[in-house]
Protein backbone atom coordinates (compact mmCIF):
# COMPACT_ATOMS: atom_id res chain seq x y z
CA UNK A 1 -52.64 -3.65 -43.16
CA UNK A 2 -55.78 -3.63 -45.31
CA UNK A 3 -57.53 -7.01 -45.14
CA UNK A 4 -60.77 -8.39 -46.57
CA UNK A 5 -63.77 -6.13 -45.87
CA UNK A 6 -67.46 -7.01 -45.72
CA UNK A 7 -70.59 -4.84 -45.85
CA UNK A 8 -73.64 -6.17 -44.00
CA UNK A 9 -76.79 -4.85 -42.32
CA UNK A 10 -76.32 -4.00 -38.66
CA UNK A 11 -78.59 -6.92 -37.76
CA UNK A 12 -75.86 -9.39 -38.81
CA UNK A 13 -73.43 -7.95 -36.26
CA UNK A 14 -75.77 -7.59 -33.27
CA UNK A 15 -75.93 -10.31 -30.66
CA UNK A 16 -78.12 -8.46 -28.18
CA UNK A 17 -80.47 -5.49 -28.49
CA UNK A 18 -83.02 -4.33 -25.96
CA UNK A 19 -84.85 -1.32 -24.69
CA UNK A 20 -84.37 -0.33 -21.08
CA UNK A 21 -86.73 -0.67 -18.14
CA UNK A 22 -89.59 1.43 -16.83
CA UNK A 23 -87.82 2.64 -13.67
CA UNK A 24 -89.18 2.76 -10.16
CA UNK A 25 -87.46 5.97 -9.14
CA UNK A 26 -85.92 6.65 -5.74
CA UNK A 27 -84.89 10.03 -4.37
CA UNK A 28 -82.00 8.84 -2.23
CA UNK A 29 -79.29 6.25 -2.77
CA UNK A 30 -79.45 3.04 -0.74
CA UNK A 31 -78.21 -0.52 -0.87
CA UNK A 32 -81.03 -1.41 -3.25
CA UNK A 33 -80.70 1.51 -5.71
CA UNK A 34 -78.77 1.59 -8.97
CA UNK A 35 -78.20 4.35 -11.53
CA UNK A 36 -80.53 4.61 -14.51
CA UNK A 37 -79.43 6.48 -17.64
CA UNK A 38 -81.81 8.45 -19.85
CA UNK A 39 -81.84 10.52 -23.04
CA UNK A 40 -80.29 13.57 -21.37
CA UNK A 41 -77.22 11.51 -20.45
CA UNK A 42 -76.40 10.92 -24.13
CA UNK A 43 -74.68 13.79 -25.91
CA UNK A 44 -71.75 14.23 -28.28
CA UNK A 45 -71.13 10.45 -28.51
CA UNK A 46 -70.58 10.24 -24.76
CA UNK A 47 -72.53 9.26 -21.66
CA UNK A 48 -72.65 11.59 -18.67
CA UNK A 49 -74.02 10.54 -15.31
CA UNK A 50 -74.94 14.13 -14.43
CA UNK A 51 -78.58 13.67 -15.44
CA UNK A 52 -78.90 10.03 -14.35
CA UNK A 53 -81.46 9.05 -11.71
CA UNK A 54 -81.88 6.30 -9.17
CA UNK A 55 -83.87 3.09 -9.62
CA UNK A 56 -84.97 0.97 -6.67
CA UNK A 57 -84.31 -2.70 -7.47
CA UNK A 58 -86.32 -3.75 -4.42
CA UNK A 59 -89.47 -2.45 -6.11
CA UNK A 60 -88.56 -3.74 -9.57
CA UNK A 61 -85.79 -6.19 -10.37
CA UNK A 62 -83.50 -5.59 -13.32
CA UNK A 63 -82.61 -8.60 -15.50
CA UNK A 64 -78.83 -9.26 -15.43
CA UNK A 65 -78.49 -8.65 -19.18
CA UNK A 66 -79.90 -5.13 -18.81
CA UNK A 67 -77.15 -3.98 -16.49
CA UNK A 68 -74.86 -1.71 -18.48
CA UNK A 69 -71.31 -2.98 -19.15
CA UNK A 70 -68.21 -1.10 -20.28
CA UNK A 71 -68.24 -0.49 -24.07
CA UNK A 72 -72.01 -1.03 -24.36
CA UNK A 73 -73.58 0.98 -27.19
CA UNK A 74 -76.51 3.14 -26.09
CA UNK A 75 -78.90 4.81 -28.52
CA UNK A 76 -81.72 7.20 -27.67
CA UNK A 77 -84.94 5.59 -28.93
CA UNK A 78 -87.43 8.45 -28.46
CA UNK A 79 -87.71 12.23 -28.63
CA UNK A 80 -87.77 14.78 -31.43
CA UNK A 81 -84.18 15.75 -32.15
CA UNK A 82 -82.76 13.21 -29.69
CA UNK A 83 -83.92 9.84 -31.04
CA UNK A 84 -80.95 8.24 -32.73
CA UNK A 85 -78.16 9.79 -30.66
CA UNK A 86 -75.40 7.23 -30.28
CA UNK A 87 -72.94 6.83 -27.42
CA UNK A 88 -70.58 4.13 -26.22
CA UNK A 89 -70.00 4.05 -22.50
CA UNK A 90 -66.38 3.53 -21.48
CA UNK A 91 -66.55 3.32 -17.71
CA UNK A 92 -69.43 2.16 -15.53
CA UNK A 93 -68.66 3.63 -12.09
CA UNK A 94 -71.54 1.89 -10.33
CA UNK A 95 -74.35 -0.57 -11.05
CA UNK A 96 -76.29 0.97 -13.93
CA UNK A 97 -79.20 0.30 -16.26
CA UNK A 98 -81.10 2.34 -18.86
CA UNK A 99 -84.70 3.52 -19.03
CA UNK A 100 -87.23 2.71 -21.76
CA UNK A 101 -86.17 5.66 -23.88
CA UNK A 102 -82.82 4.11 -24.72
CA UNK A 103 -81.65 1.00 -26.61
CA UNK A 104 -78.68 -1.14 -25.61
CA UNK A 105 -76.68 -2.96 -28.32
CA UNK A 106 -73.96 -5.59 -28.03
CA UNK A 107 -71.92 -7.27 -30.76
CA UNK A 108 -72.30 -10.93 -31.69
CA UNK A 109 -68.54 -11.32 -31.97
CA UNK A 110 -68.03 -10.84 -35.70
CA UNK A 111 -66.65 -7.41 -34.82
CA UNK A 112 -65.32 -6.15 -31.53
CA UNK A 113 -67.69 -4.19 -29.34
CA UNK A 114 -65.57 -1.05 -29.62
CA UNK A 115 -65.37 -1.33 -33.41
CA UNK A 116 -69.15 -1.70 -33.63
CA UNK A 117 -69.55 1.44 -31.53
CA UNK A 118 -67.38 3.53 -33.82
CA UNK A 119 -68.99 1.97 -36.90
CA UNK A 120 -72.41 3.06 -35.68
CA UNK A 121 -71.14 6.54 -34.84
CA UNK A 122 -70.01 6.82 -38.46
CA UNK A 123 -73.69 6.43 -39.40
CA UNK A 124 -74.99 8.91 -36.80
CA UNK A 125 -76.68 11.15 -39.37
CA UNK A 126 -78.50 8.20 -41.00
CA UNK A 127 -79.63 6.83 -37.63
CA UNK A 128 -81.04 10.23 -36.69
CA UNK A 129 -83.34 10.00 -39.74
CA UNK A 130 -84.96 6.78 -38.52
CA UNK A 131 -87.32 8.35 -36.00
CA UNK A 132 -91.02 8.13 -36.79
CA UNK A 133 -94.19 9.56 -35.30
CA UNK A 134 -95.79 12.91 -34.51
CA UNK A 135 -93.97 15.93 -33.13
CA UNK A 136 -92.73 15.29 -29.60
CA UNK A 137 -93.68 11.59 -29.80
CA UNK A 138 -91.09 10.36 -32.28
CA UNK A 139 -89.51 6.94 -31.81
CA UNK A 140 -86.57 5.21 -33.46
CA UNK A 141 -87.67 2.40 -35.78
CA UNK A 142 -85.61 -0.52 -34.51
CA UNK A 143 -86.18 -2.78 -37.54
CA UNK A 144 -85.04 -0.04 -39.88
CA UNK A 145 -82.01 0.54 -37.66
CA UNK A 146 -81.06 -3.13 -37.93
CA UNK A 147 -81.87 -3.57 -41.62
CA UNK A 148 -81.05 -0.23 -43.26
CA UNK A 149 -77.83 0.74 -41.53
CA UNK A 150 -75.08 -0.98 -43.49
CA UNK A 151 -71.83 -1.59 -41.65
CA UNK A 152 -68.45 -2.04 -43.33
CA UNK A 153 -65.88 -3.99 -41.38
CA UNK A 154 -62.52 -5.70 -41.92
CA UNK A 155 -62.48 -9.41 -41.19
CA UNK A 156 -59.14 -9.02 -39.40
CA UNK A 157 -59.54 -8.27 -35.69
CA UNK A 158 -56.05 -6.77 -35.73
CA UNK A 159 -57.21 -4.21 -38.27
CA UNK A 160 -60.41 -3.56 -36.30
CA UNK A 161 -58.31 -2.93 -33.19
CA UNK A 162 -55.90 -0.67 -35.08
CA UNK A 163 -58.79 1.46 -36.37
CA UNK A 164 -60.31 1.65 -32.89
CA UNK A 165 -56.91 2.56 -31.41
CA UNK A 166 -56.52 5.49 -33.81
CA UNK A 167 -59.92 6.92 -32.97
CA UNK A 168 -59.58 6.19 -29.25
CA UNK A 169 -56.32 8.12 -29.09
CA UNK A 170 -58.19 11.23 -30.23
CA UNK A 171 -61.10 10.62 -27.87
CA UNK A 172 -58.77 10.11 -24.90
CA UNK A 173 -57.01 13.40 -25.63
CA UNK A 174 -60.42 15.09 -25.74
CA UNK A 175 -61.23 13.64 -22.32
CA UNK A 176 -57.85 14.67 -20.84
CA UNK A 177 -58.25 18.24 -22.07
CA UNK A 178 -61.75 18.43 -20.64
CA UNK A 179 -60.57 17.07 -17.29
CA UNK A 180 -57.76 19.64 -17.23
CA UNK A 181 -60.23 22.41 -18.01
CA UNK A 182 -62.63 21.22 -15.31
CA UNK A 183 -59.80 21.20 -12.78
CA UNK A 184 -58.61 24.68 -13.80
CA UNK A 185 -62.16 25.99 -13.61
CA UNK A 186 -62.55 24.56 -10.12
CA UNK A 187 -59.30 26.20 -9.00
CA UNK A 188 -60.37 29.59 -10.33
CA UNK A 189 -63.84 29.22 -8.79
CA UNK A 190 -62.36 28.35 -5.39
CA UNK A 191 -60.03 31.35 -5.53
CA UNK A 192 -62.86 33.69 -6.49
CA UNK A 193 -65.08 32.32 -3.71
CA UNK A 194 -62.33 33.02 -1.18
CA UNK A 195 -62.04 36.65 -2.27
CA UNK A 196 -65.80 37.06 -2.64
CA UNK A 197 -66.47 35.86 0.89
CA UNK A 198 -64.05 38.49 2.21
CA UNK A 199 -65.50 41.37 0.17
CA UNK A 200 -67.09 44.15 2.23
CA UNK A 201 -68.73 46.36 -0.41
CA UNK A 202 -72.20 45.50 -1.74
CA UNK A 203 -73.30 47.05 -5.02
CA UNK A 204 -76.16 46.64 -7.47
CA UNK A 205 -75.41 44.11 -10.22
CA UNK A 206 -76.23 46.53 -13.03
CA UNK A 207 -74.06 49.26 -11.47
CA UNK A 208 -71.06 47.22 -12.60
CA UNK A 209 -72.41 45.21 -15.51
CA UNK A 210 -74.31 46.21 -18.67
CA UNK A 211 -76.96 43.80 -19.99
CA UNK A 212 -77.47 43.59 -23.75
CA UNK A 213 -80.08 41.65 -25.71
CA UNK A 214 -79.49 39.39 -28.69
CA UNK A 215 -81.10 39.02 -32.09
CA UNK A 216 -81.48 36.28 -34.66
CA UNK A 217 -79.51 36.70 -37.90
CA UNK A 218 -81.50 36.79 -41.12
CA UNK A 219 -81.76 33.04 -41.46
CA UNK A 220 -82.84 33.25 -45.08
CA UNK A 221 -79.33 34.35 -45.99
CA UNK A 222 -77.01 31.56 -47.12
CA UNK A 223 -74.10 33.07 -45.21
CA UNK A 224 -75.82 32.19 -41.92
CA UNK A 225 -76.48 28.58 -42.85
CA UNK A 226 -72.96 28.19 -44.32
CA UNK A 227 -71.46 28.96 -40.95
CA UNK A 228 -70.05 32.42 -41.66
CA UNK A 229 -71.60 33.68 -38.42
CA UNK A 230 -70.38 31.99 -35.24
CA UNK A 231 -73.71 32.01 -33.44
CA UNK A 232 -74.57 31.35 -29.80
CA UNK A 233 -77.88 29.80 -28.72
CA UNK A 234 -78.91 28.16 -25.41
CA UNK A 235 -78.09 24.68 -26.74
CA UNK A 236 -74.53 25.74 -27.56
CA UNK A 237 -73.37 26.58 -24.05
CA UNK A 238 -69.97 25.09 -23.32
CA UNK A 239 -68.07 24.82 -20.05
CA UNK A 240 -66.90 27.46 -19.80
CA UNK A 241 -66.04 28.31 -23.42
CA UNK A 242 -68.39 27.79 -26.36
CA UNK A 243 -66.82 27.11 -29.74
CA UNK A 244 -69.41 26.43 -32.43
CA UNK A 245 -66.70 27.01 -35.03
CA UNK A 246 -63.16 28.30 -35.24
CA UNK A 247 -64.06 30.50 -38.21
CA UNK A 248 -63.86 34.24 -37.89
CA UNK A 249 -66.74 36.36 -39.02
CA UNK A 250 -66.79 37.54 -42.63
CA UNK A 251 -67.89 40.99 -43.69
CA UNK A 252 -70.73 39.39 -45.65
CA UNK A 253 -71.77 37.38 -42.62
CA UNK A 254 -71.70 40.41 -40.35
CA UNK A 255 -73.91 42.32 -42.78
CA UNK A 256 -76.62 39.70 -42.33
CA UNK A 257 -76.49 39.68 -38.54
CA UNK A 258 -79.21 41.50 -36.60
CA UNK A 259 -77.21 41.08 -33.39
CA UNK A 260 -73.86 42.71 -32.80
CA UNK A 261 -70.76 40.53 -32.73
CA UNK A 262 -69.46 40.01 -29.21
CA UNK A 263 -65.77 39.39 -28.47
CA UNK A 264 -64.13 36.53 -26.61
CA UNK A 265 -64.88 36.60 -22.85
CA UNK A 266 -68.21 38.34 -23.26
CA UNK A 267 -70.50 36.64 -20.76
CA UNK A 268 -73.54 34.97 -22.31
CA UNK A 269 -76.54 33.98 -20.17
CA UNK A 270 -79.44 31.86 -21.41
CA UNK A 271 -82.51 33.82 -20.33
CA UNK A 272 -85.53 32.01 -21.77
CA UNK A 273 -86.67 28.41 -21.77
CA UNK A 274 -83.58 26.68 -20.38
CA UNK A 275 -82.49 29.53 -18.15
CA UNK A 276 -79.39 30.13 -16.14
CA UNK A 277 -76.63 28.66 -18.30
CA UNK A 278 -73.55 30.86 -18.33
CA UNK A 279 -70.82 30.69 -20.96
CA UNK A 280 -68.05 32.54 -22.72
CA UNK A 281 -67.59 32.68 -26.50
CA UNK A 282 -64.32 31.12 -27.65
CA UNK A 283 -64.43 33.18 -30.85
CA UNK A 284 -66.30 36.42 -31.59
CA UNK A 285 -69.99 35.47 -31.75
CA UNK A 286 -73.47 36.76 -32.27
CA UNK A 287 -76.28 35.45 -30.08
CA UNK A 288 -80.02 34.96 -30.40
CA UNK A 289 -82.86 36.64 -28.56
CA UNK A 290 -83.00 33.94 -25.88
CA UNK A 291 -79.73 35.14 -24.40
CA UNK A 292 -78.20 38.18 -22.77
CA UNK A 293 -74.68 39.45 -23.26
CA UNK A 294 -73.11 40.88 -20.10
CA UNK A 295 -70.34 43.42 -20.41
CA UNK A 296 -68.45 45.00 -17.55
CA UNK A 297 -68.56 48.73 -16.86
CA UNK A 298 -64.86 49.13 -16.04
CA UNK A 299 -65.02 45.58 -14.68
CA UNK A 300 -62.82 42.83 -16.10
CA UNK A 301 -64.80 40.19 -18.03
CA UNK A 302 -63.54 37.30 -15.91
CA UNK A 303 -64.97 39.07 -12.86
CA UNK A 304 -68.19 39.65 -14.80
CA UNK A 305 -68.27 35.90 -15.43
CA UNK A 306 -67.98 34.99 -11.76
CA UNK A 307 -70.29 37.77 -10.57
CA UNK A 308 -72.83 36.49 -13.08
CA UNK A 309 -72.52 32.92 -11.82
CA UNK A 310 -73.31 34.21 -8.34
CA UNK A 311 -76.35 36.17 -9.47
CA UNK A 312 -77.72 33.53 -11.83
CA UNK A 313 -77.45 30.85 -9.16
CA UNK A 314 -80.15 32.76 -7.31
CA UNK A 315 -82.15 34.01 -10.29
CA UNK A 316 -82.63 30.70 -12.08
CA UNK A 317 -84.63 29.41 -9.13
CA UNK A 318 -86.94 32.43 -9.39
CA UNK A 319 -87.41 32.29 -13.18
CA UNK A 320 -91.02 32.34 -14.31
CA UNK A 321 -93.15 33.18 -17.30
CA UNK A 322 -96.53 32.63 -18.93
CA UNK A 323 -95.21 30.36 -21.69
CA UNK A 324 -91.70 29.44 -20.52
CA UNK A 325 -89.34 30.35 -17.72
CA UNK A 326 -87.40 33.55 -18.21
CA UNK A 327 -84.89 35.83 -16.52
CA UNK A 328 -85.49 39.50 -17.27
CA UNK A 329 -83.30 42.58 -17.08
CA UNK A 330 -85.42 43.69 -14.12
CA UNK A 331 -84.36 40.54 -12.31
CA UNK A 332 -80.73 41.50 -12.76
CA UNK A 333 -81.46 45.09 -11.71
CA UNK A 334 -82.83 43.81 -8.40
CA UNK A 335 -79.69 41.74 -7.68
CA UNK A 336 -76.82 42.87 -5.47
CA UNK A 337 -73.30 41.44 -5.45
CA UNK A 338 -70.23 41.84 -3.28
CA UNK A 339 -67.54 43.82 -5.08
CA UNK A 340 -63.92 42.70 -4.72
CA UNK A 341 -61.43 45.32 -3.54
CA UNK A 342 -58.84 46.61 -6.01
CA UNK A 343 -56.08 44.56 -4.36
CA UNK A 344 -58.17 41.38 -4.40
CA UNK A 345 -59.20 42.04 -7.98
CA UNK A 346 -55.55 42.24 -9.04
CA UNK A 347 -54.61 39.16 -7.04
CA UNK A 348 -57.47 37.19 -8.57
CA UNK A 349 -56.80 38.26 -12.15
CA UNK A 350 -53.06 37.55 -11.86
CA UNK A 351 -54.02 33.90 -11.39
CA UNK A 352 -57.27 33.71 -13.35
CA UNK A 353 -56.16 35.26 -16.64
CA UNK A 354 -53.48 32.64 -17.45
CA UNK A 355 -55.87 29.91 -16.25
CA UNK A 356 -58.57 30.95 -18.69
CA UNK A 357 -56.10 31.39 -21.52
CA UNK A 358 -55.07 27.76 -20.95
CA UNK A 359 -58.73 26.72 -20.81
CA UNK A 360 -59.42 28.49 -24.10
CA UNK A 361 -56.36 26.91 -25.75
CA UNK A 362 -57.52 23.46 -24.63
CA UNK A 363 -61.04 24.19 -25.88
CA UNK A 364 -59.70 25.20 -29.31
CA UNK A 365 -57.54 22.07 -29.44
CA UNK A 366 -60.58 19.94 -28.61
CA UNK A 367 -62.57 21.57 -31.41
CA UNK A 368 -59.78 20.72 -33.87
CA UNK A 369 -59.47 17.17 -32.53
CA UNK A 370 -63.24 16.65 -32.77
CA UNK A 371 -63.21 17.83 -36.37
CA UNK A 372 -60.25 15.54 -37.12
CA UNK A 373 -61.99 12.54 -35.54
CA UNK A 374 -65.26 13.26 -37.35
CA UNK A 375 -63.45 13.51 -40.70
CA UNK A 376 -61.44 10.32 -40.13
CA UNK A 377 -64.34 8.28 -38.74
CA UNK A 378 -66.29 7.55 -41.96
CA UNK A 379 -63.12 7.08 -44.01
CA UNK A 380 -61.64 4.57 -41.57
CA UNK A 381 -64.96 2.78 -41.24
CA UNK A 382 -65.40 2.14 -44.94
CA UNK A 383 -61.77 1.24 -45.67
CA UNK A 384 -61.20 4.40 -47.71
CA UNK A 385 -57.92 5.05 -45.92
CA UNK A 386 -55.48 2.60 -44.38
CA UNK A 387 -54.99 3.06 -40.66
CA UNK A 388 -51.22 2.71 -41.13
CA UNK A 389 -51.25 5.97 -43.11
CA UNK A 390 -52.54 7.94 -40.10
CA UNK A 391 -50.02 10.06 -38.21
CA UNK A 392 -51.43 11.84 -35.15
């Protein structure tokens, strides 16, 4: 299928580019409010509305061209470590715009909008290097983005669509697996809540659960930076499983780890800075000093997970500290939880264990699919491999 390919600066493929608005925020939705996306909504090439806010169009009108459309490309324009993140929004569930910390890009028609989105994602690392300014005040240089990012594209729209279709098939499977996992998690949470509400025995949190601190591996060792140590930090928290890698720990890697290696289904809690995130390692992992590992004392780890969610839901609102918010072991020691009876524990685990095995399997499949997509993306986008050779 390979047709004629061209390489041009991004500027030659862009028909519209603009920063977002300075929002006039509203606390409650009304007939005059619309959603406004921000930097936090842009992660892992996707847009999430979870951190979006409301803008009141009665106080400030939004030009029609700045309303977000399906397949629009959104790039974070400010923020150390976030400027340059690229996402392409697939669905726009309600009237939406972006704030001034994001850039919106649309194709001029030489390439399809979806192709341009994937082409830019193939240059994610280069785009991330285009931020300029002092620490905490960095901003993406738009002229450098348009002039220095070189895009390869086939002249044939059929070939563009075939390339997009290959990559979309992977992305759609990723979405389906995540939706399945979310649904399974909700089912397990509802079942636990039912049993928890019926529990009659109150016990101290630390009577049932041991709290262990983390430690940072010796980062000067090459084995850490080469990925030999699956390593959990607050930014890595998944839902519910975290998979930074599918690799297993090596003996050399373990020797350089100041923190012990925790098995699958250990409960990790982020305890400093961004507090209150709860996750499970999908492979044996170490963790840093900003986290706690929670291990049951004759209590199944899935129960530890749900007991922890209950406790942390209260504790994260009480977190405090001189420099940054923190949850301490004393906070956990002061917490009480309702203990499920033996019969309810068995009934819950009979359902929950296969659910979380399925969730873990889907999480592992998504890790593999993400790695496959990320390896195919640059090769498809520079014509290195023919899309007809791909078999998924």
